[in-house]
C-alpha atoms as a PDB file:
ATOM      1  CA  MET A   1     -94.629  27.231  13.344  1.00  0.00           C
ATOM      2  CA  ASN A   2     -94.579  26.790  17.095  1.00  0.00           C
ATOM      3  CA  ALA A   3     -93.131  29.965  18.660  1.00  0.00           C
ATOM      4  CA  PRO A   4     -91.609  28.169  21.694  1.00  0.00           C
ATOM      5  CA  VAL A   5     -89.271  26.378  19.257  1.00  0.00           C
ATOM      6  CA  PHE A   6     -87.326  29.636  19.103  1.00  0.00           C
ATOM      7  CA  GLN A   7     -86.012  29.878  22.636  1.00  0.00           C
ATOM      8  CA  ARG A   8     -82.800  31.838  22.973  1.00  0.00           C
ATOM      9  CA  VAL A   9     -79.688  29.857  23.853  1.00  0.00           C
ATOM     10  CA  ASN A  10     -77.176  31.555  26.126  1.00  0.00           C
ATOM     11  CA  ASN A  11     -74.097  31.852  23.914  1.00  0.00           C
ATOM     12  CA  ASP A  12     -71.918  31.763  27.006  1.00  0.00           C
ATOM     13  CA  ASN A  13     -72.853  28.081  27.291  1.00  0.00           C
ATOM     14  CA  ILE A  14     -71.389  27.298  23.877  1.00  0.00           C
ATOM     15  CA  LYS A  15     -67.933  25.829  24.457  1.00  0.00           C
ATOM     16  CA  ARG A  16     -65.185  27.080  22.182  1.00  0.00           C
ATOM     17  CA  ASP A  17     -61.646  26.118  21.278  1.00  0.00           C
ATOM     18  CA  ARG A  18     -58.638  28.368  21.819  1.00  0.00           C
ATOM     19  CA  TRP A  19     -59.338  30.185  18.550  1.00  0.00           C
ATOM     20  CA  GLY A  20     -62.899  30.980  19.563  1.00  0.00           C
ATOM     21  CA  ARG A  21     -64.501  28.447  17.240  1.00  0.00           C
ATOM     22  CA  PRO A  22     -67.678  26.880  18.648  1.00  0.00           C
ATOM     23  CA  LEU A  23     -67.392  23.224  19.585  1.00  0.00           C
ATOM     24  CA  ILE A  24     -70.375  21.337  18.172  1.00  0.00           C
ATOM     25  CA  ALA A  25     -71.455  17.757  18.814  1.00  0.00           C
ATOM     26  CA  PRO A  26     -71.536  15.757  15.533  1.00  0.00           C
ATOM     27  CA  PRO A  27     -75.032  14.851  14.263  1.00  0.00           C
ATOM     28  CA  ASP A  28     -74.406  11.163  15.006  1.00  0.00           C
ATOM     29  CA  GLY A  29     -72.861  11.794  18.413  1.00  0.00           C
ATOM     30  CA  GLY A  30     -69.283  11.702  19.593  1.00  0.00           C
ATOM     31  CA  LYS A  31     -66.690  14.216  20.700  1.00  0.00           C
ATOM     32  CA  PRO A  32     -67.492  17.870  19.841  1.00  0.00           C
ATOM     33  CA  VAL A  33     -65.627  19.292  16.870  1.00  0.00           C
ATOM     34  CA  ALA A  34     -64.752  22.875  15.987  1.00  0.00           C
ATOM     35  CA  TYR A  35     -67.049  24.558  13.498  1.00  0.00           C
ATOM     36  CA  THR A  36     -66.046  27.685  11.596  1.00  0.00           C
ATOM     37  CA  ARG A  37     -67.809  30.806  12.809  1.00  0.00           C
ATOM     38  CA  VAL A  38     -70.397  31.936  10.255  1.00  0.00           C
ATOM     39  CA  SER A  39     -68.977  35.459  10.375  1.00  0.00           C
ATOM     40  CA  THR A  40     -65.535  34.070   9.475  1.00  0.00           C
ATOM     41  CA  LEU A  41     -66.738  31.869   6.616  1.00  0.00           C
ATOM     42  CA  SER A  42     -68.802  34.714   5.156  1.00  0.00           C
ATOM     43  CA  LYS A  43     -65.599  36.756   4.727  1.00  0.00           C
ATOM     44  CA  ALA A  44     -63.574  33.979   3.101  1.00  0.00           C
ATOM     45  CA  LEU A  45     -64.096  35.299  -0.442  1.00  0.00           C
ATOM     46  CA  ASP A  46     -63.772  38.998   0.403  1.00  0.00           C
ATOM     47  CA  ASN A  47     -61.426  41.227  -1.532  1.00  0.00           C
ATOM     48  CA  LYS A  48     -59.163  42.478   1.276  1.00  0.00           C
ATOM     49  CA  ASP A  49     -57.783  45.517  -0.598  1.00  0.00           C
ATOM     50  CA  GLY A  50     -60.258  47.957   0.932  1.00  0.00           C
ATOM     51  CA  LEU A  51     -59.709  46.619   4.444  1.00  0.00           C
ATOM     52  CA  MET A  52     -55.932  46.771   4.116  1.00  0.00           C
ATOM     53  CA  LYS A  53     -56.035  50.359   2.872  1.00  0.00           C
ATOM     54  CA  TRP A  54     -58.341  51.310   5.756  1.00  0.00           C
ATOM     55  CA  LYS A  55     -55.949  49.755   8.263  1.00  0.00           C
ATOM     56  CA  GLN A  56     -53.042  51.601   6.673  1.00  0.00           C
ATOM     57  CA  ARG A  57     -54.926  54.900   6.929  1.00  0.00           C
ATOM     58  CA  MET A  58     -55.846  54.262  10.568  1.00  0.00           C
ATOM     59  CA  THR A  59     -52.240  53.368  11.421  1.00  0.00           C
ATOM     60  CA  ALA A  60     -50.990  56.570   9.785  1.00  0.00           C
ATOM     61  CA  ILE A  61     -53.570  58.665  11.657  1.00  0.00           C
ATOM     62  CA  GLY A  62     -52.708  56.969  14.951  1.00  0.00           C
ATOM     63  CA  ILE A  63     -48.989  57.569  14.535  1.00  0.00           C
ATOM     64  CA  GLY A  64     -49.778  61.174  13.665  1.00  0.00           C
ATOM     65  CA  LYS A  65     -51.587  61.499  16.999  1.00  0.00           C
ATOM     66  CA  ARG A  66     -48.899  59.570  18.894  1.00  0.00           C
ATOM     67  CA  PRO A  67     -45.419  60.598  17.643  1.00  0.00           C
ATOM     68  CA  ASP A  68     -43.910  58.341  20.318  1.00  0.00           C
ATOM     69  CA  LEU A  69     -45.176  55.356  18.347  1.00  0.00           C
ATOM     70  CA  ALA A  70     -43.059  56.393  15.366  1.00  0.00           C
ATOM     71  CA  GLN A  71     -39.977  56.328  17.578  1.00  0.00           C
ATOM     72  CA  MET A  72     -40.978  52.932  18.980  1.00  0.00           C
ATOM     73  CA  ALA A  73     -41.411  51.556  15.472  1.00  0.00           C
ATOM     74  CA  LEU A  74     -37.909  52.698  14.494  1.00  0.00           C
ATOM     75  CA  ALA A  75     -36.427  51.253  17.668  1.00  0.00           C
ATOM     76  CA  CYS A  76     -37.898  47.783  17.121  1.00  0.00           C
ATOM     77  CA  ALA A  77     -38.010  47.611  13.338  1.00  0.00           C
ATOM     78  CA  ASP A  78     -36.673  44.040  13.304  1.00  0.00           C
ATOM     79  CA  ASP A  79     -39.089  42.690  15.926  1.00  0.00           C
ATOM     80  CA  LYS A  80     -42.360  41.687  14.249  1.00  0.00           C
ATOM     81  CA  ARG A  81     -44.207  41.152  17.523  1.00  0.00           C
ATOM     82  CA  LYS A  82     -43.335  44.614  18.830  1.00  0.00           C
ATOM     83  CA  ILE A  83     -44.152  46.235  15.500  1.00  0.00           C
ATOM     84  CA  ASP A  84     -47.564  44.551  15.673  1.00  0.00           C
ATOM     85  CA  GLU A  85     -48.026  46.083  19.130  1.00  0.00           C
ATOM     86  CA  VAL A  86     -47.149  49.516  17.739  1.00  0.00           C
ATOM     87  CA  VAL A  87     -49.706  49.080  14.954  1.00  0.00           C
ATOM     88  CA  GLU A  88     -52.394  48.046  17.463  1.00  0.00           C
ATOM     89  CA  ALA A  89     -51.593  51.091  19.610  1.00  0.00           C
ATOM     90  CA  ALA A  90     -51.787  53.344  16.552  1.00  0.00           C
ATOM     91  CA  MET A  91     -55.125  51.861  15.531  1.00  0.00           C
ATOM     92  CA  SER A  92     -56.416  52.481  19.038  1.00  0.00           C
ATOM     93  CA  ALA A  93     -55.164  56.074  18.997  1.00  0.00           C
ATOM     94  CA  ALA A  94     -57.014  56.581  15.705  1.00  0.00           C
ATOM     95  CA  GLU A  95     -60.205  55.269  17.358  1.00  0.00           C
ATOM     96  CA  SER A  96     -60.475  52.620  14.663  1.00  0.00           C
ATOM     97  CA  ASP A  97     -62.846  50.588  16.831  1.00  0.00           C
ATOM     98  CA  ARG A  98     -65.260  53.453  17.427  1.00  0.00           C
ATOM     99  CA  ALA A  99     -67.586  52.471  14.564  1.00  0.00           C
ATOM    100  CA  ALA A 100     -67.669  48.861  15.764  1.00  0.00           C
ATOM    101  CA  ASN A 101     -68.497  50.002  19.296  1.00  0.00           C
ATOM    102  CA  VAL A 102     -71.302  52.246  18.048  1.00  0.00           C
ATOM    103  CA  GLY A 103     -72.618  49.355  15.956  1.00  0.00           C
ATOM    104  CA  THR A 104     -72.708  47.093  19.007  1.00  0.00           C
ATOM    105  CA  VAL A 105     -74.690  49.696  20.930  1.00  0.00           C
ATOM    106  CA  ILE A 106     -77.155  50.155  18.060  1.00  0.00           C
ATOM    107  CA  HIS A 107     -77.662  46.389  17.876  1.00  0.00           C
ATOM    108  CA  SER A 108     -78.525  46.212  21.560  1.00  0.00           C
ATOM    109  CA  PHE A 109     -80.899  49.178  21.286  1.00  0.00           C
ATOM    110  CA  THR A 110     -82.771  47.652  18.334  1.00  0.00           C
ATOM    111  CA  GLU A 111     -83.539  44.657  20.555  1.00  0.00           C
ATOM    112  CA  VAL A 112     -85.135  47.005  23.083  1.00  0.00           C
ATOM    113  CA  ILE A 113     -87.257  48.534  20.327  1.00  0.00           C
ATOM    114  CA  ASP A 114     -88.272  45.120  18.979  1.00  0.00           C
ATOM    115  CA  ALA A 115     -89.447  44.212  22.494  1.00  0.00           C
ATOM    116  CA  GLY A 116     -91.729  47.264  22.498  1.00  0.00           C
ATOM    117  CA  GLY A 117     -89.515  49.546  24.580  1.00  0.00           C
ATOM    118  CA  TRP A 118     -87.352  52.591  23.994  1.00  0.00           C
ATOM    119  CA  PRO A 119     -83.757  53.004  25.227  1.00  0.00           C
ATOM    120  CA  GLU A 120     -83.091  55.683  27.817  1.00  0.00           C
ATOM    121  CA  GLN A 121     -80.552  58.518  27.695  1.00  0.00           C
ATOM    122  CA  LEU A 122     -80.038  58.614  23.939  1.00  0.00           C
ATOM    123  CA  ASN A 123     -78.203  61.431  22.220  1.00  0.00           C
ATOM    124  CA  ASP A 124     -79.969  63.093  19.291  1.00  0.00           C
ATOM    125  CA  GLN A 125     -77.959  61.221  16.655  1.00  0.00           C
ATOM    126  CA  MET A 126     -78.661  57.793  18.125  1.00  0.00           C
ATOM    127  CA  ALA A 127     -82.340  58.649  18.615  1.00  0.00           C
ATOM    128  CA  ALA A 128     -82.610  59.632  14.944  1.00  0.00           C
ATOM    129  CA  ASP A 129     -81.029  56.327  13.870  1.00  0.00           C
ATOM    130  CA  LEU A 130     -83.399  54.315  16.044  1.00  0.00           C
ATOM    131  CA  ASN A 131     -86.468  56.232  14.909  1.00  0.00           C
ATOM    132  CA  ALA A 132     -85.483  55.382  11.343  1.00  0.00           C
ATOM    133  CA  TYR A 133     -85.173  51.709  12.315  1.00  0.00           C
ATOM    134  CA  LYS A 134     -88.570  51.728  14.011  1.00  0.00           C
ATOM    135  CA  ALA A 135     -90.233  53.277  10.965  1.00  0.00           C
ATOM    136  CA  ALA A 136     -88.589  50.886   8.494  1.00  0.00           C
ATOM    137  CA  MET A 137     -89.587  47.832  10.538  1.00  0.00           C
ATOM    138  CA  SER A 138     -93.136  48.952  11.326  1.00  0.00           C
ATOM    139  CA  SER A 139     -94.794  46.426   8.981  1.00  0.00           C
ATOM    140  CA  ILE A 140     -92.376  43.564   9.692  1.00  0.00           C
ATOM    141  CA  LYS A 141     -93.018  41.100  12.505  1.00  0.00           C
ATOM    142  CA  ILE A 142     -90.122  39.937  14.663  1.00  0.00           C
ATOM    143  CA  VAL A 143     -90.415  36.169  15.174  1.00  0.00           C
ATOM    144  CA  ALA A 144     -87.136  35.552  17.021  1.00  0.00           C
ATOM    145  CA  ALA A 145     -83.794  37.208  17.736  1.00  0.00           C
ATOM    146  CA  GLU A 146     -80.222  36.168  18.479  1.00  0.00           C
ATOM    147  CA  GLN A 147     -80.618  32.422  17.929  1.00  0.00           C
ATOM    148  CA  PHE A 148     -77.621  30.084  17.800  1.00  0.00           C
ATOM    149  CA  ILE A 149     -77.504  28.024  14.605  1.00  0.00           C
ATOM    150  CA  VAL A 150     -75.346  25.182  13.310  1.00  0.00           C
ATOM    151  CA  CYS A 151     -75.115  24.374   9.620  1.00  0.00           C
ATOM    152  CA  ASP A 152     -73.619  20.923   9.186  1.00  0.00           C
ATOM    153  CA  GLU A 153     -73.282  21.016   5.414  1.00  0.00           C
ATOM    154  CA  VAL A 154     -70.655  23.788   5.605  1.00  0.00           C
ATOM    155  CA  ARG A 155     -69.590  23.007   9.213  1.00  0.00           C
ATOM    156  CA  ALA A 156     -70.284  26.547  10.411  1.00  0.00           C
ATOM    157  CA  ALA A 157     -72.103  27.940  13.436  1.00  0.00           C
ATOM    158  CA  GLY A 158     -73.132  31.321  14.782  1.00  0.00           C
ATOM    159  CA  THR A 159     -75.971  33.546  15.925  1.00  0.00           C
ATOM    160  CA  PHE A 160     -78.378  35.258  13.559  1.00  0.00           C
ATOM    161  CA  ASP A 161     -79.720  38.745  14.308  1.00  0.00           C
ATOM    162  CA  ARG A 162     -83.420  38.305  13.560  1.00  0.00           C
ATOM    163  CA  LEU A 163     -85.997  35.955  12.156  1.00  0.00           C
ATOM    164  CA  VAL A 164     -88.800  38.058  10.701  1.00  0.00           C
ATOM    165  CA  ARG A 165     -92.074  37.660   8.877  1.00  0.00           C
ATOM    166  CA  LEU A 166     -92.480  39.934   5.860  1.00  0.00           C
ATOM    167  CA  PRO A 167     -95.847  41.528   5.030  1.00  0.00           C
ATOM    168  CA  ASP A 168     -96.325  38.938   2.250  1.00  0.00           C
ATOM    169  CA  GLY A 169     -96.047  36.126   4.818  1.00  0.00           C
ATOM    170  CA  ARG A 170     -92.547  34.882   4.065  1.00  0.00           C
ATOM    171  CA  MET A 171     -90.412  34.094   7.113  1.00  0.00           C
ATOM    172  CA  VAL A 172     -86.792  35.091   6.515  1.00  0.00           C
ATOM    173  CA  ILE A 173     -83.475  35.499   8.290  1.00  0.00           C
ATOM    174  CA  ALA A 174     -82.568  39.183   8.696  1.00  0.00           C
ATOM    175  CA  ASP A 175     -79.191  40.707   9.432  1.00  0.00           C
ATOM    176  CA  ILE A 176     -78.662  44.215  10.828  1.00  0.00           C
ATOM    177  CA  LYS A 177     -75.621  46.031   9.452  1.00  0.00           C
ATOM    178  CA  THR A 178     -74.505  49.424  10.748  1.00  0.00           C
ATOM    179  CA  GLY A 179     -71.565  50.088   8.415  1.00  0.00           C
ATOM    180  CA  GLN A 180     -71.749  52.426   5.465  1.00  0.00           C
ATOM    181  CA  ASP A 181     -71.142  50.141   2.482  1.00  0.00           C
ATOM    182  CA  GLU A 182     -72.984  46.832   2.967  1.00  0.00           C
ATOM    183  CA  PRO A 183     -75.496  47.415   0.132  1.00  0.00           C
ATOM    184  CA  LYS A 184     -72.588  48.038  -2.245  1.00  0.00           C
ATOM    185  CA  TYR A 185     -70.871  44.787  -1.272  1.00  0.00           C
ATOM    186  CA  PRO A 186     -73.671  42.394  -0.240  1.00  0.00           C
ATOM    187  CA  GLN A 187     -71.898  39.100  -0.901  1.00  0.00           C
ATOM    188  CA  GLY A 188     -70.783  38.600   2.703  1.00  0.00           C
ATOM    189  CA  VAL A 189     -74.146  39.286   4.330  1.00  0.00           C
ATOM    190  CA  THR A 190     -75.910  37.238   1.635  1.00  0.00           C
ATOM    191  CA  MET A 191     -73.633  34.264   2.347  1.00  0.00           C
ATOM    192  CA  GLN A 192     -74.028  34.710   6.107  1.00  0.00           C
ATOM    193  CA  THR A 193     -77.817  34.828   5.921  1.00  0.00           C
ATOM    194  CA  ALA A 194     -77.960  31.801   3.612  1.00  0.00           C
ATOM    195  CA  ILE A 195     -75.887  29.696   6.018  1.00  0.00           C
ATOM    196  CA  TYR A 196     -78.253  30.490   8.882  1.00  0.00           C
ATOM    197  CA  ALA A 197     -81.300  29.729   6.738  1.00  0.00           C
ATOM    198  CA  HIS A 198     -79.924  26.238   5.999  1.00  0.00           C
ATOM    199  CA  GLY A 199     -79.135  25.436   9.625  1.00  0.00           C
ATOM    200  CA  HIS A 200     -80.535  23.902  12.797  1.00  0.00           C
ATOM    201  CA  LEU A 201     -81.296  25.656  16.030  1.00  0.00           C
ATOM    202  CA  TYR A 202     -78.770  24.280  18.483  1.00  0.00           C
ATOM    203  CA  ASP A 203     -78.570  23.876  22.230  1.00  0.00           C
ATOM    204  CA  PRO A 204     -75.318  22.545  23.764  1.00  0.00           C
ATOM    205  CA  ASP A 205     -77.312  20.351  26.155  1.00  0.00           C
ATOM    206  CA  LYS A 206     -80.079  19.191  23.803  1.00  0.00           C
ATOM    207  CA  GLY A 207     -78.207  19.188  20.502  1.00  0.00           C
ATOM    208  CA  ARG A 208     -79.891  20.040  17.212  1.00  0.00           C
ATOM    209  CA  LEU A 209     -83.459  21.261  17.485  1.00  0.00           C
ATOM    210  CA  ALA A 210     -85.590  22.659  14.665  1.00  0.00           C
ATOM    211  CA  TYR A 211     -84.251  22.539  11.107  1.00  0.00           C
ATOM    212  CA  LEU A 212     -85.109  26.014   9.834  1.00  0.00           C
ATOM    213  CA  PRO A 213     -86.299  25.076   6.317  1.00  0.00           C
ATOM    214  CA  GLU A 214     -88.721  22.579   7.891  1.00  0.00           C
ATOM    215  CA  VAL A 215     -90.327  25.220  10.104  1.00  0.00           C
ATOM    216  CA  GLY A 216     -90.969  27.555   7.208  1.00  0.00           C
ATOM    217  CA  VAL A 217     -87.826  29.683   7.018  1.00  0.00           C
ATOM    218  CA  SER A 218     -87.077  30.714   3.438  1.00  0.00           C
ATOM    219  CA  THR A 219     -83.880  29.442   1.823  1.00  0.00           C
ATOM    220  CA  ASP A 220     -84.529  31.665  -1.207  1.00  0.00           C
ATOM    221  CA  VAL A 221     -84.727  35.132   0.326  1.00  0.00           C
ATOM    222  CA  GLY A 222     -83.089  36.937   3.237  1.00  0.00           C
ATOM    223  CA  LEU A 223     -83.284  40.512   4.496  1.00  0.00           C
ATOM    224  CA  LEU A 224     -80.533  43.076   4.964  1.00  0.00           C
ATOM    225  CA  ILE A 225     -81.507  45.764   7.476  1.00  0.00           C
ATOM    226  CA  HIS A 226     -79.072  48.551   6.699  1.00  0.00           C
ATOM    227  CA  LEU A 227     -78.895  51.008   9.587  1.00  0.00           C
ATOM    228  CA  PRO A 228     -75.753  53.089   8.973  1.00  0.00           C
ATOM    229  CA  ALA A 229     -74.634  54.727  12.184  1.00  0.00           C
ATOM    230  CA  GLY A 230     -75.211  58.453  12.344  1.00  0.00           C
ATOM    231  CA  LYS A 231     -77.224  58.726   9.114  1.00  0.00           C
ATOM    232  CA  ALA A 232     -80.806  58.742  10.503  1.00  0.00           C
ATOM    233  CA  ARG A 233     -81.715  56.250   7.794  1.00  0.00           C
ATOM    234  CA  CYS A 234     -82.713  52.603   7.662  1.00  0.00           C
ATOM    235  CA  ASP A 235     -83.096  50.812   4.339  1.00  0.00           C
ATOM    236  CA  LEU A 236     -84.277  47.272   3.694  1.00  0.00           C
ATOM    237  CA  TYR A 237     -82.897  45.007   0.965  1.00  0.00           C
ATOM    238  CA  LEU A 238     -83.929  41.529  -0.134  1.00  0.00           C
ATOM    239  CA  LEU A 239     -81.022  39.102  -0.500  1.00  0.00           C
ATOM    240  CA  ASN A 240     -80.780  36.238  -2.996  1.00  0.00           C
ATOM    241  CA  LEU A 241     -79.994  33.261  -0.770  1.00  0.00           C
ATOM    242  CA  THR A 242     -79.580  30.886  -3.693  1.00  0.00           C
ATOM    243  CA  ASP A 243     -76.531  32.913  -4.645  1.00  0.00           C
ATOM    244  CA  GLY A 244     -75.518  33.166  -0.989  1.00  0.00           C
ATOM    245  CA  TRP A 245     -75.662  29.402  -0.479  1.00  0.00           C
ATOM    246  CA  ASN A 246     -73.585  28.779  -3.605  1.00  0.00           C
ATOM    247  CA  LEU A 247     -71.052  31.315  -2.332  1.00  0.00           C
ATOM    248  CA  ALA A 248     -70.935  29.565   1.058  1.00  0.00           C
ATOM    249  CA  LYS A 249     -70.197  26.187  -0.504  1.00  0.00           C
ATOM    250  CA  THR A 250     -67.586  27.780  -2.745  1.00  0.00           C
ATOM    251  CA  ALA A 251     -65.968  29.417   0.298  1.00  0.00           C
ATOM    252  CA  VAL A 252     -65.674  26.035   2.009  1.00  0.00           C
ATOM    253  CA  MET A 253     -64.038  24.546  -1.080  1.00  0.00           C
ATOM    254  CA  VAL A 254     -61.601  27.457  -1.400  1.00  0.00           C
ATOM    255  CA  ARG A 255     -60.600  27.218   2.271  1.00  0.00           C
ATOM    256  CA  GLU A 256     -59.997  23.486   1.930  1.00  0.00           C
ATOM    257  CA  LEU A 257     -57.891  23.961  -1.197  1.00  0.00           C
ATOM    258  CA  PHE A 258     -55.737  26.574   0.511  1.00  0.00           C
ATOM    259  CA  LYS A 259     -55.333  24.332   3.547  1.00  0.00           C
ATOM    260  CA  ASP A 260     -54.476  21.164   1.622  1.00  0.00           C
ATOM    261  CA  ASN A 261     -52.543  22.583  -1.324  1.00  0.00           C
ATOM    262  CA  LYS A 262     -48.986  21.969  -0.113  1.00  0.00           C
ATOM    263  CA  PRO A 263     -46.052  21.423  -2.474  1.00  0.00           C
ATOM    264  CA  THR A 264     -44.592  17.950  -2.753  1.00  0.00           C
ATOM    265  CA  PRO A 265     -40.841  17.673  -2.231  1.00  0.00           C
ATOM    266  CA  TYR A 266     -39.166  16.564  -5.428  1.00  0.00           C
ATOM    267  CA  THR A 267     -35.660  15.323  -6.127  1.00  0.00           C
ATOM    268  CA  PRO A 268     -34.870  14.726  -9.784  1.00  0.00           C
ATOM    269  CA  ALA A 269     -33.463  11.321 -10.612  1.00  0.00           C
ATOM    270  CA  PRO A 270     -29.730  11.373 -11.419  1.00  0.00           C
END
């Protein structure tokens, strides 16, 4: 594999539609079309019960912290848009985005570590997390990071976290997750990693570049780097990308069926 193949593309140069979907030139040329974000497609088969219950808990906590929101909700009970605004304010009051913000920071700090540096001004908790990451990754070689990929077969595009070489020589897509439960529910990250592994590197000016399977990237195995925020622990898990790829294709089919499955008007004959 030629290392210069993996040159980072500035994601700001990727044009997007009003829903944030990347606009990708078709393989045979022509007007760019919207591709589903890989992160969106990888959640298409998720059971939403846990997420809905979490949102309900956060809303309750937020209203508990902001009694004025309860009054606002009563005052605009028939206005869906205003109720949505109350819910968003309650979620914010409950600091529901704190974990996501911490995860974003950890992601950026792992890049510094992978480049041979060490972030400055860390608190003890963050330093413990990053030391755990450094130890877990000590025998794994970083080949590339944050590369934009398009996968034409499922019409999805996005940016993978890492391309790494395992001690046994296999080159695999790796995804860093900072939540608490990813190893319990690996279907999403397995699907996400499989889509990247079956894709092309993409540049908006040059189009499709290297096809990852042809430059030695495994389509059988991926890597989950589980770095739960605040736990001073980093665990590595191999992912079955055969299952992930089948899930991805199933997700596309399910989305299409939901989109196209409209009832046909029917008037019985007299």
